[in-house]
Amino acid sequence: MKRSIMVSNYLSLIRWPNVLLVFALQSLVWWGWIAPVLGRYGISTVLSATEAVLLAFVTVIMVAAGNVINDLYDIRVDAINNPERVLQTGSISSDSAINLYYGLLTLGGLLAGGLAWRVGHLSYIFIYVLFSMKLWYYSYALQRRPLTGNLLVALLSALFPWVFFLAEMPALNRLAAEDKQIVEHMLYVMLSFSGFAFLVSWARELVKDIEDMGGDKMGGYMTFPILAGVPRTVVFVRVLLGMTGIWVLVWAFLEEWGVGVAMTCVFAPAILYIGRRLGQCSSIPCFHQISLYLKGVMILGIIFLGLYVTQVMQ
């Protein structure tokens, strides 16, 4: 029983639902989309199945490590903002969390090194180090500043789906020599999804900053809601939601009729409702609810990407 509780606490610390979501997205992109499309044309993937698993694990380990170091740097402010987190309740000590962070970094580095050696691209190691340092610097400094931390998280959310596209670019170039149109459409869909992910993530990070204003003020953070005020932040988030709606409509318009109609019928009401509800919010629980709604919109985006992939592979 104690062991299962401890495992549950560590899973909570790394934010296992977010980690699982990243893994599911990357699995969808490579196993459900890129590899089967290349296989149809008799083109071998750059990565073997084992190497694809390694790359997916390297990515989720970076995300997990980033979540741990973020909680470590936020111990003081989370006493107000998130008192239920395991570092606040004492379920996991700070020393144990630090050991977990360095253990994850080491494991990720070993996997990245093994992958770089297998595929003959030592640059993978430097990419791992660069991303890990970015996540550390976000926790150390950027999240305390207006917009920069939000932008970094939104940018990473948009870039994660591209990991396998970049790894498979040589194979995709060979496919383009045979069927340029299919590669162009794949890149278009990926750009559309990434833009969607960027805007939704940016909006959600700003809403979370509104939620966390109490502890952030105590910690001396200079987030956008603290500097600009809640009303201006709400206006900014609603602008981002409007841009998301326009982005999705353009994406839907350029898709096949059935998929486009489905996207419009699902996303347009959801975004309109969230924007309207946001304008009515005046309490932390309400803003927390908006944050959950935006996470749901992101999951819906992944589901529609999956539907697109399923349709393409039929």
Protein backbone atom coordinates (compact mmCIF):
# COMPACT_ATOMS: atom_id res chain seq x y z
CA MET A 1 0.00 0.00 0.00
CA LYS A 2 2.77 2.46 0.96
CA ARG A 3 4.66 1.70 -2.23
CA SER A 4 1.57 2.34 -4.40
CA ILE A 5 0.95 5.65 -2.58
CA MET A 6 4.58 6.68 -3.15
CA VAL A 7 4.34 5.81 -6.85
CA SER A 8 1.13 7.84 -7.06
CA ASN A 9 2.88 10.82 -5.44
CA TYR A 10 5.78 10.70 -7.88
CA LEU A 11 3.36 10.40 -10.82
CA SER A 12 1.56 13.46 -9.49
CA LEU A 13 4.86 15.35 -9.25
CA ILE A 14 5.74 14.75 -12.89
CA ARG A 15 2.13 15.62 -13.96
CA TRP A 16 1.52 12.23 -15.52
CA PRO A 17 -1.60 13.25 -17.52
CA ASN A 18 0.41 15.93 -19.36
CA VAL A 19 3.29 13.53 -19.93
CA LEU A 20 0.89 10.88 -21.24
CA LEU A 21 -0.71 13.44 -23.56
CA VAL A 22 2.67 14.31 -25.10
CA PHE A 23 3.49 10.62 -25.57
CA ALA A 24 0.07 9.97 -27.16
CA LEU A 25 0.51 12.88 -29.56
CA GLN A 26 3.95 11.75 -30.67
CA SER A 27 2.79 8.16 -31.03
CA LEU A 28 -0.06 9.36 -33.23
CA VAL A 29 2.29 11.41 -35.42
CA TRP A 30 4.86 8.65 -36.04
CA TRP A 31 3.11 5.26 -35.63
CA GLY A 32 -0.27 6.40 -36.89
CA TRP A 33 0.75 8.79 -39.65
CA ILE A 34 4.34 9.24 -40.85
CA ALA A 35 5.46 5.59 -40.80
CA PRO A 36 2.31 4.21 -42.51
CA VAL A 37 2.35 6.90 -45.23
CA LEU A 38 6.01 6.21 -45.99
CA GLY A 39 5.29 2.47 -45.95
CA ARG A 40 2.59 2.87 -48.60
CA TYR A 41 5.22 4.21 -50.97
CA GLY A 42 7.78 1.57 -50.04
CA ILE A 43 10.03 4.16 -48.35
CA SER A 44 11.84 3.13 -45.18
CA THR A 45 11.60 5.37 -42.15
CA VAL A 46 14.77 6.97 -40.81
CA LEU A 47 13.93 5.68 -37.33
CA SER A 48 13.34 2.06 -36.49
CA ALA A 49 10.48 1.23 -34.11
CA THR A 50 13.00 0.97 -31.26
CA GLU A 51 14.51 4.34 -32.11
CA ALA A 52 11.06 5.92 -32.31
CA VAL A 53 10.29 4.63 -28.81
CA LEU A 54 13.60 6.06 -27.59
CA LEU A 55 12.85 9.46 -29.11
CA ALA A 56 9.35 9.51 -27.60
CA PHE A 57 10.75 8.62 -24.18
CA VAL A 58 13.44 11.30 -24.41
CA THR A 59 10.74 13.88 -25.07
CA VAL A 60 8.43 12.84 -22.25
CA ILE A 61 11.36 12.60 -19.84
CA MET A 62 12.21 16.23 -20.64
CA VAL A 63 8.61 17.22 -19.96
CA ALA A 64 8.54 15.27 -16.69
CA ALA A 65 11.86 16.77 -15.53
CA GLY A 66 10.61 20.25 -16.43
CA ASN A 67 7.52 19.73 -14.27
CA VAL A 68 9.63 18.60 -11.31
CA ILE A 69 12.06 21.54 -11.42
CA ASN A 70 9.15 23.93 -11.86
CA ASP A 71 7.55 22.69 -8.63
CA LEU A 72 10.90 22.93 -6.83
CA TYR A 73 11.37 26.58 -7.78
CA ASP A 74 7.72 27.31 -6.94
CA ILE A 75 7.71 25.82 -3.43
CA ARG A 76 7.15 29.19 -1.74
CA VAL A 77 4.43 30.47 -4.06
CA ASP A 78 2.68 27.09 -4.26
CA ALA A 79 2.05 27.31 -0.52
CA ILE A 80 -0.65 29.79 -1.59
CA ASN A 81 -1.34 28.86 -5.20
CA ASN A 82 -1.31 25.05 -5.03
CA PRO A 83 -1.19 23.84 -1.41
CA GLU A 84 -2.43 20.39 -2.49
CA ARG A 85 0.72 19.55 -4.46
CA VAL A 86 2.91 16.76 -3.11
CA LEU A 87 5.85 19.02 -2.23
CA GLN A 88 3.51 21.20 -0.17
CA THR A 89 1.83 18.33 1.68
CA GLY A 90 5.19 16.73 2.46
CA SER A 91 4.31 13.55 0.58
CA ILE A 92 7.64 13.96 -1.23
CA SER A 93 10.59 15.83 0.23
CA SER A 94 12.51 18.50 -1.68
CA ASP A 95 15.64 16.31 -1.59
CA SER A 96 13.72 13.42 -3.15
CA ALA A 97 12.33 15.73 -5.83
CA ILE A 98 15.83 17.04 -6.62
CA ASN A 99 17.13 13.47 -6.89
CA LEU A 100 14.23 12.62 -9.21
CA TYR A 101 14.99 15.67 -11.37
CA TYR A 102 18.65 14.78 -11.82
CA GLY A 103 17.75 11.12 -12.29
CA LEU A 104 15.35 12.02 -15.10
CA LEU A 105 17.92 14.32 -16.72
CA THR A 106 20.54 11.58 -16.58
CA LEU A 107 18.19 8.94 -17.97
CA GLY A 108 17.07 11.29 -20.75
CA GLY A 109 20.68 12.12 -21.57
CA LEU A 110 21.64 8.46 -21.78
CA LEU A 111 18.66 7.71 -24.04
CA ALA A 112 19.42 10.76 -26.21
CA GLY A 113 23.06 9.67 -26.46
CA GLY A 114 22.08 6.11 -27.38
CA LEU A 115 19.65 7.38 -29.99
CA ALA A 116 22.23 9.79 -31.44
CA TRP A 117 24.73 6.95 -31.73
CA ARG A 118 22.21 4.57 -33.36
CA VAL A 119 21.09 7.04 -36.05
CA GLY A 120 24.50 8.67 -36.52
CA HIS A 121 23.37 12.18 -35.54
CA LEU A 122 25.28 13.48 -32.53
CA SER A 123 23.29 16.71 -32.80
CA TYR A 124 20.44 14.93 -30.97
CA ILE A 125 22.49 15.20 -27.77
CA PHE A 126 22.85 18.98 -28.14
CA ILE A 127 19.14 19.34 -28.90
CA TYR A 128 18.37 17.45 -25.68
CA VAL A 129 20.71 19.67 -23.67
CA LEU A 130 19.27 22.82 -25.25
CA PHE A 131 15.65 21.89 -24.54
CA SER A 132 16.48 20.79 -20.98
CA MET A 133 18.23 24.09 -20.31
CA LYS A 134 15.27 26.01 -21.75
CA LEU A 135 12.90 24.21 -19.38
CA TRP A 136 15.20 24.85 -16.44
CA TYR A 137 15.56 28.54 -17.33
CA TYR A 138 11.80 28.85 -17.60
CA SER A 139 11.41 27.60 -14.01
CA TYR A 140 14.37 29.66 -12.78
CA ALA A 141 13.55 33.01 -14.36
CA LEU A 142 11.19 33.25 -17.33
CA GLN A 143 7.98 32.32 -15.51
CA ARG A 144 8.56 35.32 -13.23
CA ARG A 145 8.52 37.75 -16.17
CA PRO A 146 5.59 39.05 -18.21
CA LEU A 147 4.77 37.00 -21.33
CA THR A 148 8.23 35.47 -21.93
CA GLY A 149 7.54 32.37 -19.87
CA ASN A 150 4.06 32.02 -21.38
CA LEU A 151 5.51 32.31 -24.87
CA LEU A 152 8.16 29.65 -24.21
CA VAL A 153 5.58 27.12 -22.94
CA ALA A 154 3.29 27.89 -25.90
CA LEU A 155 6.19 27.54 -28.33
CA LEU A 156 7.25 24.19 -26.86
CA SER A 157 3.64 22.97 -27.09
CA ALA A 158 3.69 23.87 -30.78
CA LEU A 159 7.10 22.27 -31.41
CA PHE A 160 6.58 18.88 -29.72
CA PRO A 161 4.57 17.43 -32.65
CA TRP A 162 7.43 18.36 -35.00
CA VAL A 163 10.01 16.14 -33.29
CA PHE A 164 9.25 13.12 -35.48
CA PHE A 165 8.74 15.21 -38.62
CA LEU A 166 12.24 16.63 -38.25
CA ALA A 167 13.70 13.19 -37.52
CA GLU A 168 12.02 11.74 -40.62
CA MET A 169 12.74 14.68 -42.94
CA PRO A 170 15.18 12.69 -45.18
CA ALA A 171 12.49 10.05 -45.75
CA LEU A 172 9.84 12.72 -46.32
CA ASN A 173 12.11 14.36 -48.90
CA ARG A 174 12.28 11.03 -50.75
CA LEU A 175 8.48 10.82 -50.57
CA ALA A 176 8.19 14.39 -51.94
CA ALA A 177 10.18 13.30 -55.00
CA GLU A 178 7.39 10.79 -55.73
CA ASP A 179 4.32 12.64 -54.43
CA LYS A 180 4.99 16.26 -53.53
CA GLN A 181 1.33 16.98 -52.86
CA ILE A 182 0.94 14.52 -49.98
CA VAL A 183 4.03 15.86 -48.20
CA GLU A 184 2.86 19.44 -48.65
CA HIS A 185 -0.53 18.52 -47.19
CA MET A 186 1.06 16.72 -44.23
CA LEU A 187 3.18 19.78 -43.50
CA TYR A 188 0.14 22.03 -43.87
CA VAL A 189 -1.86 19.97 -41.35
CA MET A 190 1.08 19.93 -38.95
CA LEU A 191 1.50 23.72 -39.25
CA SER A 192 -2.22 24.18 -38.68
CA PHE A 193 -2.19 22.02 -35.57
CA SER A 194 0.96 23.68 -34.24
CA GLY A 195 -0.54 27.16 -34.66
CA PHE A 196 -3.66 25.99 -32.87
CA ALA A 197 -1.59 24.47 -30.04
CA PHE A 198 0.48 27.66 -29.72
CA LEU A 199 -2.53 29.96 -29.37
CA VAL A 200 -4.47 27.71 -26.97
CA SER A 201 -1.40 27.09 -24.80
CA TRP A 202 -0.58 30.80 -24.63
CA ALA A 203 -4.16 31.63 -23.63
CA ARG A 204 -4.15 28.89 -20.97
CA GLU A 205 -0.83 29.98 -19.49
CA LEU A 206 -2.15 33.53 -19.08
CA VAL A 207 -5.31 32.25 -17.37
CA LYS A 208 -3.14 30.15 -15.04
CA ASP A 209 -1.15 33.30 -14.22
CA ILE A 210 -4.39 34.97 -13.16
CA GLU A 211 -5.13 31.96 -10.93
CA ASP A 212 -1.68 32.20 -9.34
CA MET A 213 -1.57 35.96 -8.70
CA GLY A 214 -1.80 35.58 -4.91
CA GLY A 215 1.32 33.48 -4.52
CA ASP A 216 3.12 35.15 -7.43
CA LYS A 217 2.83 38.58 -5.79
CA MET A 218 4.27 37.18 -2.57
CA GLY A 219 7.14 35.61 -4.50
CA GLY A 220 7.95 38.85 -6.32
CA TYR A 221 6.96 37.51 -9.74
CA MET A 222 6.24 40.08 -12.45
CA THR A 223 3.70 38.17 -14.52
CA PHE A 224 1.45 39.86 -17.05
CA PRO A 225 -1.69 39.88 -14.85
CA ILE A 226 0.27 41.45 -11.98
CA LEU A 227 1.69 44.21 -14.19
CA ALA A 228 -1.27 44.83 -16.50
CA GLY A 229 -4.13 43.82 -14.24
CA VAL A 230 -6.77 41.12 -14.59
CA PRO A 231 -9.16 43.05 -16.90
CA ARG A 232 -6.45 43.72 -19.51
CA THR A 233 -5.23 40.12 -19.26
CA VAL A 234 -8.77 38.87 -19.83
CA VAL A 235 -9.05 41.09 -22.92
CA PHE A 236 -5.73 39.75 -24.21
CA VAL A 237 -6.81 36.13 -23.65
CA ARG A 238 -10.09 36.78 -25.45
CA VAL A 239 -8.12 38.22 -28.38
CA LEU A 240 -6.03 35.02 -28.44
CA LEU A 241 -9.24 32.96 -28.38
CA GLY A 242 -10.57 35.01 -31.28
CA MET A 243 -7.37 34.36 -33.21
CA THR A 244 -7.71 30.65 -32.38
CA GLY A 245 -11.25 30.65 -33.73
CA ILE A 246 -10.17 32.30 -36.99
CA TRP A 247 -7.22 29.91 -37.28
CA VAL A 248 -9.46 26.86 -36.83
CA LEU A 249 -12.02 28.18 -39.33
CA VAL A 250 -9.33 28.66 -41.96
CA TRP A 251 -7.94 25.20 -41.19
CA ALA A 252 -11.44 23.71 -41.42
CA PHE A 253 -12.25 25.56 -44.66
CA LEU A 254 -9.20 24.10 -46.38
CA GLU A 255 -9.93 20.56 -45.18
CA GLU A 256 -12.32 18.06 -46.74
CA TRP A 257 -15.98 19.01 -46.37
CA GLY A 258 -16.91 16.51 -43.64
CA VAL A 259 -13.88 17.17 -41.44
CA GLY A 260 -14.21 20.92 -41.93
CA VAL A 261 -17.87 20.98 -40.89
CA ALA A 262 -17.14 18.79 -37.85
CA MET A 263 -14.29 21.07 -36.74
CA THR A 264 -16.45 24.17 -37.15
CA CYS A 265 -19.39 22.65 -35.24
CA VAL A 266 -17.16 21.59 -32.33
CA PHE A 267 -14.60 24.37 -31.96
CA ALA A 268 -16.66 27.46 -32.80
CA PRO A 269 -19.23 26.97 -29.98
CA ALA A 270 -16.51 25.88 -27.52
CA ILE A 271 -14.32 28.93 -28.15
CA LEU A 272 -17.29 31.31 -28.10
CA TYR A 273 -18.50 29.85 -24.80
CA ILE A 274 -15.05 30.03 -23.19
CA GLY A 275 -14.59 33.64 -24.31
CA ARG A 276 -18.02 34.62 -22.97
CA ARG A 277 -17.49 32.76 -19.69
CA LEU A 278 -14.06 34.32 -19.27
CA GLY A 279 -15.57 37.80 -19.48
CA GLN A 280 -17.85 36.89 -16.56
CA CYS A 281 -15.13 35.47 -14.30
CA SER A 282 -14.40 37.25 -11.04
CA SER A 283 -13.03 34.45 -8.84
CA ILE A 284 -10.10 32.03 -8.80
CA PRO A 285 -12.33 28.92 -9.12
CA CYS A 286 -13.89 30.42 -12.25
CA PHE A 287 -10.49 31.06 -13.85
CA HIS A 288 -9.43 27.53 -12.89
CA GLN A 289 -12.49 26.23 -14.70
CA ILE A 290 -11.53 28.23 -17.79
CA SER A 291 -8.05 26.69 -17.63
CA LEU A 292 -9.59 23.22 -17.61
CA TYR A 293 -11.83 24.14 -20.55
CA LEU A 294 -8.79 25.26 -22.55
CA LYS A 295 -7.03 22.01 -21.76
CA GLY A 296 -10.12 20.23 -23.07
CA VAL A 297 -9.93 22.27 -26.29
CA MET A 298 -6.31 21.15 -26.71
CA ILE A 299 -7.34 17.52 -26.27
CA LEU A 300 -10.09 18.04 -28.85
CA GLY A 301 -7.44 19.34 -31.25
CA ILE A 302 -5.42 16.15 -30.79
CA ILE A 303 -8.58 14.08 -31.35
CA PHE A 304 -9.25 15.90 -34.63
CA LEU A 305 -5.66 15.33 -35.68
CA GLY A 306 -6.24 11.65 -34.95
CA LEU A 307 -9.45 11.68 -37.02
CA TYR A 308 -7.56 13.26 -39.90
CA VAL A 309 -4.85 10.60 -39.68
CA THR A 310 -7.48 7.85 -39.58
CA GLN A 311 -9.16 9.29 -42.66
CA VAL A 312 -5.88 9.56 -44.56
CA MET A 313 -4.94 5.97 -43.76
CA GLN A 314 -8.23 4.47 -44.94
